[in-house]
Each structure stands twice: as structure tokens, then as C-alpha cells.
Protein backbone atom coordinates (compact mmCIF):
# COMPACT_ATOMS: atom_id res chain seq x y z
CA MET A 1 -22.15 3.05 33.49
CA SER A 2 -25.52 4.71 32.88
CA ALA A 3 -25.57 5.90 36.52
CA ILE A 4 -22.25 7.64 35.95
CA ASN A 5 -23.38 9.16 32.65
CA ASP A 6 -26.67 10.36 34.16
CA SER A 7 -24.79 11.96 37.05
CA LEU A 8 -22.33 13.66 34.71
CA GLN A 9 -25.19 15.06 32.62
CA GLN A 10 -26.75 16.51 35.79
CA LEU A 11 -23.47 18.31 36.50
CA MET A 12 -23.20 19.60 32.93
CA ALA A 13 -26.65 21.22 33.27
CA ILE A 14 -25.28 23.82 35.74
CA ASP A 15 -24.46 27.25 34.26
CA GLY A 16 -20.77 27.56 33.52
CA ALA A 17 -20.07 23.80 33.52
CA GLN A 18 -17.32 22.95 31.05
CA ALA A 19 -16.37 19.37 31.88
CA CYS A 20 -16.75 16.69 34.52
CA ALA A 21 -15.57 13.18 35.18
CA VAL A 22 -15.64 10.25 37.57
CA VAL A 23 -12.18 8.91 38.35
CA ASP A 24 -10.84 5.79 40.07
CA TYR A 25 -8.64 7.06 42.91
CA GLY A 26 -6.47 3.93 43.00
CA SER A 27 -5.48 3.81 39.35
CA GLY A 28 -6.20 7.32 38.08
CA MET A 29 -8.40 5.79 35.40
CA LEU A 30 -11.23 7.82 33.90
CA LEU A 31 -14.55 5.94 34.36
CA GLY A 32 -16.80 8.47 32.68
CA ALA A 33 -16.59 11.99 31.30
CA ALA A 34 -18.73 14.75 29.84
CA GLY A 35 -17.96 18.12 28.31
CA GLY A 36 -14.61 19.14 26.95
CA GLY A 37 -12.07 21.86 26.53
CA LEU A 38 -9.30 19.87 28.19
CA ASP A 39 -7.82 16.37 28.11
CA LEU A 40 -9.93 14.67 30.77
CA GLU A 41 -7.80 11.51 30.81
CA LEU A 42 -4.73 13.59 31.62
CA ALA A 43 -6.72 15.59 34.18
CA ALA A 44 -7.92 12.35 35.80
CA GLY A 45 -4.37 11.15 36.34
CA GLY A 46 -3.14 14.52 37.56
CA ASN A 47 -5.99 15.04 39.98
CA THR A 48 -5.49 11.55 41.35
CA GLU A 49 -2.09 12.81 42.48
CA VAL A 50 -3.76 15.84 44.11
CA MET A 51 -6.08 13.53 46.06
CA ARG A 52 -3.26 11.21 47.10
CA SER A 53 -1.14 14.15 48.22
CA LYS A 54 -3.92 15.62 50.34
CA VAL A 55 -4.75 12.27 51.96
CA LYS A 56 -1.06 11.70 52.72
CA THR A 57 -0.71 15.19 54.23
CA MET A 58 -3.78 14.65 56.40
CA GLN A 59 -2.31 11.36 57.64
CA MET A 60 1.06 13.00 58.42
CA LEU A 61 -0.75 15.72 60.37
CA GLY A 62 -2.71 13.12 62.29
CA LEU A 63 -6.04 14.56 61.16
CA ASP A 64 -8.92 12.21 61.79
CA ASP A 65 -11.18 13.74 59.17
CA SER A 66 -12.35 13.33 55.60
CA ILE A 67 -12.25 15.49 52.47
CA ASP A 68 -15.54 17.13 51.51
CA ASP A 69 -14.07 18.68 48.41
CA ILE A 70 -10.95 20.32 47.05
CA LEU A 71 -11.28 23.64 45.23
CA ILE A 72 -8.61 24.87 42.85
CA THR A 73 -9.21 28.40 41.63
CA LEU A 74 -7.54 29.39 38.36
CA GLY A 75 -7.74 32.71 36.56
CA LYS A 76 -10.64 31.62 34.35
CA GLN A 77 -11.85 28.37 35.89
CA TYR A 78 -12.83 26.58 39.06
CA HIS A 79 -11.74 22.95 39.42
CA LEU A 80 -13.56 20.90 42.04
CA ILE A 81 -12.59 17.44 43.27
CA ARG A 82 -15.02 15.52 45.50
CA PRO A 83 -14.70 11.96 46.82
CA LEU A 84 -17.88 9.95 46.21
CA ALA A 85 -19.80 9.12 49.39
CA LYS A 86 -20.82 5.60 48.35
CA ALA A 87 -17.56 4.64 46.63
CA SER A 88 -14.53 5.80 48.62
CA ASP A 89 -12.17 4.72 45.84
CA LEU A 90 -13.74 7.16 43.35
CA PHE A 91 -13.93 10.93 43.02
CA ALA A 92 -15.77 13.40 40.85
CA TYR A 93 -13.88 16.10 38.99
CA TYR A 94 -15.72 19.23 37.85
CA VAL A 95 -14.50 22.15 35.73
CA LEU A 96 -16.45 25.41 35.66
CA ASP A 97 -16.08 28.69 33.77
CA LYS A 98 -15.37 31.20 36.53
CA SER A 99 -17.14 34.07 34.74
CA LYS A 100 -20.41 32.13 34.33
CA ALA A 101 -20.63 29.71 37.23
CA ASN A 102 -22.14 30.21 40.65
CA LEU A 103 -19.58 28.40 42.79
CA ALA A 104 -21.93 27.83 45.73
CA LEU A 105 -24.61 26.25 43.53
CA ALA A 106 -22.04 24.15 41.67
CA ARG A 107 -20.55 22.83 44.92
CA ARG A 108 -24.03 22.03 46.19
CA LYS A 109 -24.92 20.17 42.98
CA LEU A 110 -21.62 18.28 43.04
CA ALA A 111 -22.29 17.23 46.66
CA GLU A 112 -25.82 16.11 45.77
CA VAL A 113 -24.70 14.11 42.75
CA GLY A 114 -21.60 12.75 44.47
CA ASP A 115 -23.52 11.62 47.52
CA ALA A 116 -26.18 9.85 45.44
CA LEU A 117 -23.97 8.16 42.83
CA GLU A 118 -23.57 4.41 43.29
CA VAL A 119 -21.14 2.56 41.04
């Protein structure tokens, strides 16, 4: 799990980062988490449903494509969900303070970490 923890610490180093996690897409189980401010176990389960719903919708539409990331913009936060490149059954979840974060840099860092993480 040190690879997961190292990756999560890299994400937490970005300005505005509040929390992040690695989640098993099949079970909704939280595999690692950093930061706080919200119940990350509950968020893991809920965002698993978001991923499943999007995959199902893409299948119904006949889209032969993959998800790079999913962005949910709230009043005060950005929530990013990104499937891991080397572990298709896992995704990274990232919460950022909207007033402090640079969304473009955060998405880039999440892509970098998500593409490199091997579990």
C-alpha cells in the first residue's frame, strides 16, 4: 500500500487539495485515503455508483471510448474521478477547494499520478 500512500501524498501537495482516495470500482471499497473534511468511505461508495452509471450510459449509447476523468463542480469544491491506467478496476477520487485550486494543474497532476500508480 505504500505506492498508494505515496501517490495520495503527491496529490495532497497541490494547492487547494482537501482529500483524495483510491477506490476499488467493483466493490466500492476504499483502498487508501489522505486528507479530510468529508467521510471518504461514504464518498468512495457513492462515487463508485457515479462511475458505474457513466460506464453503463456509455455502453447504452454504443460509445467505444474510455473515461479520462469525471469532473463534478460544486459551489465550493471540485470533485474529480479518474480511472487508473494500470488498474482498470480502480479509480482515484480527488477533492479540491475551488477558491484555492488551479483545476488545470490538479487534473494534470491527477493524470500523472493515476497513470503511474501500480497496485
